[in-house]
């Protein structure tokens, strides 16, 4: 009986670290790309180009 208890305790102590290993946390949020400056300038240039094309078409 004593050997059975010793074996059970030893088995539990050997397997306990496997169950207690912490999983890695979630990765950090990716950094967001700033699209305000370049995209706004590109949209303004496209709008100006379209306005000029429409203005030249009327003349």
PDB file of N, CA and C in Angstrom:
ATOM      1  N   UNK A   1       0.828  -1.192   0.000  1.00  0.00           N
ATOM      2  CA  UNK A   1       0.000   0.000   0.000  1.00  0.00           C
ATOM      3  C   UNK A   1       0.871   1.253   0.000  1.00  0.00           C
ATOM      4  N   UNK A   2       1.941   1.187   0.790  1.00  0.00           N
ATOM      5  CA  UNK A   2       2.828   2.340   0.878  1.00  0.00           C
ATOM      6  C   UNK A   2       3.501   2.614  -0.477  1.00  0.00           C
ATOM      7  N   UNK A   3       3.852   1.549  -1.186  1.00  0.00           N
ATOM      8  CA  UNK A   3       4.488   1.690  -2.495  1.00  0.00           C
ATOM      9  C   UNK A   3       3.514   2.275  -3.513  1.00  0.00           C
ATOM     10  N   UNK A   4       2.244   1.918  -3.408  1.00  0.00           N
ATOM     11  CA  UNK A   4       1.226   2.447  -4.310  1.00  0.00           C
ATOM     12  C   UNK A   4       1.050   3.950  -4.107  1.00  0.00           C
ATOM     13  N   UNK A   5       0.992   4.392  -2.870  1.00  0.00           N
ATOM     14  CA  UNK A   5       0.865   5.824  -2.574  1.00  0.00           C
ATOM     15  C   UNK A   5       2.106   6.570  -3.049  1.00  0.00           C
ATOM     16  N   UNK A   6       3.276   5.995  -2.798  1.00  0.00           N
ATOM     17  CA  UNK A   6       4.520   6.615  -3.236  1.00  0.00           C
ATOM     18  C   UNK A   6       4.556   6.746  -4.759  1.00  0.00           C
ATOM     19  N   UNK A   7       4.125   5.707  -5.462  1.00  0.00           N
ATOM     20  CA  UNK A   7       4.105   5.734  -6.923  1.00  0.00           C
ATOM     21  C   UNK A   7       3.102   6.766  -7.433  1.00  0.00           C
ATOM     22  N   UNK A   8       1.939   6.846  -6.815  1.00  0.00           N
ATOM     23  CA  UNK A   8       0.923   7.809  -7.236  1.00  0.00           C
ATOM     24  C   UNK A   8       1.401   9.239  -7.014  1.00  0.00           C
ATOM     25  N   UNK A   9       1.995   9.509  -5.865  1.00  0.00           N
ATOM     26  CA  UNK A   9       2.501  10.853  -5.576  1.00  0.00           C
ATOM     27  C   UNK A   9       3.636  11.204  -6.531  1.00  0.00           C
ATOM     28  N   UNK A  10       4.520  10.284  -6.778  1.00  0.00           N
ATOM     29  CA  UNK A  10       5.627  10.514  -7.700  1.00  0.00           C
ATOM     30  C   UNK A  10       5.108  10.772  -9.111  1.00  0.00           C
ATOM     31  N   UNK A  11       4.116  10.003  -9.536  1.00  0.00           N
ATOM     32  CA  UNK A  11       3.512  10.178 -10.855  1.00  0.00           C
ATOM     33  C   UNK A  11       2.872  11.560 -10.985  1.00  0.00           C
ATOM     34  N   UNK A  12       2.146  11.980  -9.960  1.00  0.00           N
ATOM     35  CA  UNK A  12       1.499  13.298  -9.968  1.00  0.00           C
ATOM     36  C   UNK A  12       2.543  14.407  -9.982  1.00  0.00           C
ATOM     37  N   UNK A  13       3.589  14.264  -9.178  1.00  0.00           N
ATOM     38  CA  UNK A  13       4.625  15.295  -9.123  1.00  0.00           C
ATOM     39  C   UNK A  13       5.418  15.393 -10.422  1.00  0.00           C
ATOM     40  N   UNK A  14       5.567  14.284 -11.119  1.00  0.00           N
ATOM     41  CA  UNK A  14       6.281  14.314 -12.389  1.00  0.00           C
ATOM     42  C   UNK A  14       5.436  14.908 -13.513  1.00  0.00           C
ATOM     43  N   UNK A  15       4.130  14.700 -13.468  1.00  0.00           N
ATOM     44  CA  UNK A  15       3.250  15.218 -14.514  1.00  0.00           C
ATOM     45  C   UNK A  15       2.731  16.623 -14.233  1.00  0.00           C
ATOM     46  N   UNK A  16       2.849  17.082 -13.009  1.00  0.00           N
ATOM     47  CA  UNK A  16       2.318  18.392 -12.647  1.00  0.00           C
ATOM     48  C   UNK A  16       2.933  19.538 -13.453  1.00  0.00           C
ATOM     49  N   UNK A  17       4.233  19.588 -13.686  1.00  0.00           N
ATOM     50  CA  UNK A  17       4.793  20.693 -14.474  1.00  0.00           C
ATOM     51  C   UNK A  17       4.266  20.751 -15.905  1.00  0.00           C
ATOM     52  N   UNK A  18       3.907  19.601 -16.458  1.00  0.00           N
ATOM     53  CA  UNK A  18       3.369  19.594 -17.822  1.00  0.00           C
ATOM     54  C   UNK A  18       2.034  20.334 -17.861  1.00  0.00           C
ATOM     55  N   UNK A  19       1.208  20.129 -16.859  1.00  0.00           N
ATOM     56  CA  UNK A  19      -0.103  20.771 -16.825  1.00  0.00           C
ATOM     57  C   UNK A  19      -0.028  22.232 -16.403  1.00  0.00           C
ATOM     58  N   UNK A  20       1.018  22.602 -15.706  1.00  0.00           N
ATOM     59  CA  UNK A  20       1.122  23.963 -15.193  1.00  0.00           C
ATOM     60  C   UNK A  20       1.892  24.909 -16.104  1.00  0.00           C
ATOM     61  N   UNK A  21       2.386  24.420 -17.216  1.00  0.00           N
ATOM     62  CA  UNK A  21       3.126  25.299 -18.117  1.00  0.00           C
ATOM     63  C   UNK A  21       2.178  26.342 -18.688  1.00  0.00           C
ATOM     64  N   UNK A  22       2.587  27.583 -18.572  1.00  0.00           N
ATOM     65  CA  UNK A  22       1.748  28.674 -19.063  1.00  0.00           C
ATOM     66  C   UNK A  22       1.911  28.815 -20.571  1.00  0.00           C
ATOM     67  N   UNK A  23       0.818  29.078 -21.218  1.00  0.00           N
ATOM     68  CA  UNK A  23       0.859  29.317 -22.654  1.00  0.00           C
ATOM     69  C   UNK A  23       1.291  30.758 -22.900  1.00  0.00           C
ATOM     70  N   UNK A  24       1.926  31.029 -24.023  1.00  0.00           N
ATOM     71  CA  UNK A  24       2.328  32.410 -24.306  1.00  0.00           C
ATOM     72  C   UNK A  24       1.097  33.291 -24.496  1.00  0.00           C
ATOM     73  N   UNK A  25       1.241  34.546 -24.149  1.00  0.00           N
ATOM     74  CA  UNK A  25       0.127  35.478 -24.279  1.00  0.00           C
ATOM     75  C   UNK A  25      -0.137  35.839 -25.728  1.00  0.00           C
ATOM     76  N   UNK A  26      -1.174  36.599 -25.930  1.00  0.00           N
ATOM     77  CA  UNK A  26      -1.521  37.037 -27.273  1.00  0.00           C
ATOM     78  C   UNK A  26      -0.488  38.044 -27.765  1.00  0.00           C
ATOM     79  N   UNK A  27      -0.220  38.070 -29.054  1.00  0.00           N
ATOM     80  CA  UNK A  27       0.741  39.038 -29.573  1.00  0.00           C
ATOM     81  C   UNK A  27       0.178  40.453 -29.466  1.00  0.00           C
ATOM     82  N   UNK A  28       1.068  41.404 -29.439  1.00  0.00           N
ATOM     83  CA  UNK A  28       0.645  42.803 -29.349  1.00  0.00           C
ATOM     84  C   UNK A  28      -0.065  43.212 -30.640  1.00  0.00           C
ATOM     85  N   UNK A  29      -0.891  44.219 -30.537  1.00  0.00           N
ATOM     86  CA  UNK A  29      -1.611  44.716 -31.706  1.00  0.00           C
ATOM     87  C   UNK A  29      -0.608  45.288 -32.706  1.00  0.00           C
ATOM     88  N   UNK A  30      -0.814  45.029 -33.989  1.00  0.00           N
ATOM     89  CA  UNK A  30       0.124  45.564 -34.975  1.00  0.00           C
ATOM     90  C   UNK A  30       0.018  47.083 -35.045  1.00  0.00           C
ATOM     91  N   UNK A  31       1.117  47.708 -35.359  1.00  0.00           N
ATOM     92  CA  UNK A  31       1.093  49.167 -35.460  1.00  0.00           C
ATOM     93  C   UNK A  31       0.315  49.563 -36.712  1.00  0.00           C
ATOM     94  N   UNK A  32      -0.487  50.565 -36.567  1.00  0.00           N
ATOM     95  CA  UNK A  32      -1.332  51.007 -37.667  1.00  0.00           C
ATOM     96  C   UNK A  32      -0.556  51.960 -38.573  1.00  0.00           C
ATOM     97  N   UNK A  33      -0.786  51.868 -39.862  1.00  0.00           N
ATOM     98  CA  UNK A  33      -0.094  52.719 -40.822  1.00  0.00           C
ATOM     99  C   UNK A  33      -0.808  54.068 -40.910  1.00  0.00           C
ATOM    100  N   UNK A  34      -0.068  55.161 -40.854  1.00  0.00           N
ATOM    101  CA  UNK A  34      -0.697  56.474 -40.989  1.00  0.00           C
ATOM    102  C   UNK A  34      -1.053  56.734 -42.452  1.00  0.00           C
ATOM    103  N   UNK A  35      -2.343  56.808 -42.768  1.00  0.00           N
ATOM    104  CA  UNK A  35      -2.763  57.029 -44.150  1.00  0.00           C
ATOM    105  C   UNK A  35      -3.325  58.427 -44.339  1.00  0.00           C
ATOM    106  N   UNK A  36      -3.279  59.255 -43.319  1.00  0.00           N
ATOM    107  CA  UNK A  36      -3.893  60.572 -43.405  1.00  0.00           C
ATOM    108  C   UNK A  36      -3.131  61.489 -44.353  1.00  0.00           C
ATOM    109  N   UNK A  37      -1.839  61.618 -44.204  1.00  0.00           N
ATOM    110  CA  UNK A  37      -1.063  62.587 -44.973  1.00  0.00           C
ATOM    111  C   UNK A  37      -0.977  62.260 -46.446  1.00  0.00           C
ATOM    112  N   UNK A  38      -0.402  61.128 -46.788  1.00  0.00           N
ATOM    113  CA  UNK A  38      -0.177  60.777 -48.188  1.00  0.00           C
ATOM    114  C   UNK A  38      -1.462  60.501 -48.942  1.00  0.00           C
ATOM    115  N   UNK A  39      -2.378  59.795 -48.320  1.00  0.00           N
ATOM    116  CA  UNK A  39      -3.626  59.459 -48.991  1.00  0.00           C
ATOM    117  C   UNK A  39      -4.488  60.695 -49.204  1.00  0.00           C
ATOM    118  N   UNK A  40      -4.487  61.605 -48.235  1.00  0.00           N
ATOM    119  CA  UNK A  40      -5.242  62.851 -48.394  1.00  0.00           C
ATOM    120  C   UNK A  40      -4.687  63.703 -49.522  1.00  0.00           C
ATOM    121  N   UNK A  41      -3.366  63.771 -49.612  1.00  0.00           N
ATOM    122  CA  UNK A  41      -2.722  64.535 -50.683  1.00  0.00           C
ATOM    123  C   UNK A  41      -3.013  63.904 -52.039  1.00  0.00           C
ATOM    124  N   UNK A  42      -2.986  62.596 -52.113  1.00  0.00           N
ATOM    125  CA  UNK A  42      -3.287  61.893 -53.357  1.00  0.00           C
ATOM    126  C   UNK A  42      -4.748  62.098 -53.773  1.00  0.00           C
ATOM    127  N   UNK A  43      -5.662  62.069 -52.820  1.00  0.00           N
ATOM    128  CA  UNK A  43      -7.079  62.293 -53.128  1.00  0.00           C
ATOM    129  C   UNK A  43      -7.310  63.728 -53.594  1.00  0.00           C
ATOM    130  N   UNK A  44      -6.637  64.691 -52.964  1.00  0.00           N
ATOM    131  CA  UNK A  44      -6.776  66.091 -53.381  1.00  0.00           C
ATOM    132  C   UNK A  44      -6.218  66.291 -54.785  1.00  0.00           C
ATOM    133  N   UNK A  45      -5.088  65.680 -55.095  1.00  0.00           N
ATOM    134  CA  UNK A  45      -4.506  65.801 -56.435  1.00  0.00           C
ATOM    135  C   UNK A  45      -5.419  65.152 -57.473  1.00  0.00           C
ATOM    136  N   UNK A  46      -6.009  64.012 -57.153  1.00  0.00           N
ATOM    137  CA  UNK A  46      -6.931  63.354 -58.072  1.00  0.00           C
ATOM    138  C   UNK A  46      -8.188  64.171 -58.296  1.00  0.00           C
ATOM    139  N   UNK A  47      -8.697  64.778 -57.236  1.00  0.00           N
ATOM    140  CA  UNK A  47      -9.875  65.635 -57.376  1.00  0.00           C
ATOM    141  C   UNK A  47      -9.585  66.864 -58.214  1.00  0.00           C
ATOM    142  N   UNK A  48      -8.420  67.458 -58.011  1.00  0.00           N
ATOM    143  CA  UNK A  48      -8.025  68.632 -58.801  1.00  0.00           C
ATOM    144  C   UNK A  48      -7.849  68.251 -60.266  1.00  0.00           C
ATOM    145  N   UNK A  49      -7.263  67.109 -60.537  1.00  0.00           N
ATOM    146  CA  UNK A  49      -7.067  66.642 -61.907  1.00  0.00           C
ATOM    147  C   UNK A  49      -8.414  66.379 -62.579  1.00  0.00           C
ATOM    148  N   UNK A  50      -9.339  65.756 -61.865  1.00  0.00           N
ATOM    149  CA  UNK A  50     -10.669  65.493 -62.425  1.00  0.00           C
ATOM    150  C   UNK A  50     -11.417  66.793 -62.674  1.00  0.00           C
ATOM    151  N   UNK A  51     -11.302  67.746 -61.769  1.00  0.00           N
ATOM    152  CA  UNK A  51     -11.973  69.042 -61.948  1.00  0.00           C
ATOM    153  C   UNK A  51     -11.414  69.759 -63.176  1.00  0.00           C
ATOM    154  N   UNK A  52     -10.081  69.710 -63.372  1.00  0.00           N
ATOM    155  CA  UNK A  52      -9.458  70.348 -64.534  1.00  0.00           C
ATOM    156  C   UNK A  52      -9.920  69.669 -65.818  1.00  0.00           C
ATOM    157  N   UNK A  53     -10.002  68.330 -65.839  1.00  0.00           N
ATOM    158  CA  UNK A  53     -10.461  67.607 -67.026  1.00  0.00           C
ATOM    159  C   UNK A  53     -11.907  67.974 -67.365  1.00  0.00           C
ATOM    160  N   UNK A  54     -12.759  68.072 -66.347  1.00  0.00           N
ATOM    161  CA  UNK A  54     -14.154  68.449 -66.597  1.00  0.00           C
ATOM    162  C   UNK A  54     -14.258  69.890 -67.073  1.00  0.00           C
ATOM    163  N   UNK A  55     -13.435  70.759 -66.516  1.00  0.00           N
ATOM    164  CA  UNK A  55     -13.442  72.169 -66.917  1.00  0.00           C
ATOM    165  C   UNK A  55     -12.966  72.305 -68.364  1.00  0.00           C
ATOM    166  N   UNK A  56     -11.913  71.575 -68.755  1.00  0.00           N
ATOM    167  CA  UNK A  56     -11.409  71.631 -70.129  1.00  0.00           C
ATOM    168  C   UNK A  56     -12.401  71.009 -71.107  1.00  0.00           C
ATOM    169  N   UNK A  57     -13.171  70.038 -70.671  1.00  0.00           N
ATOM    170  CA  UNK A  57     -14.154  69.397 -71.545  1.00  0.00           C
ATOM    171  C   UNK A  57     -15.277  70.368 -71.901  1.00  0.00           C
ATOM    172  N   UNK A  58     -15.659  71.230 -70.944  1.00  0.00           N
ATOM    173  CA  UNK A  58     -16.733  72.195 -71.181  1.00  0.00           C
ATOM    174  C   UNK A  58     -16.290  73.301 -72.135  1.00  0.00           C
ATOM    175  N   UNK A  59     -15.028  73.619 -72.153  1.00  0.00           N
ATOM    176  CA  UNK A  59     -14.526  74.708 -73.015  1.00  0.00           C
ATOM    177  C   UNK A  59     -14.220  74.209 -74.350  1.00  0.00           C
TER     178      UNK A  59
END
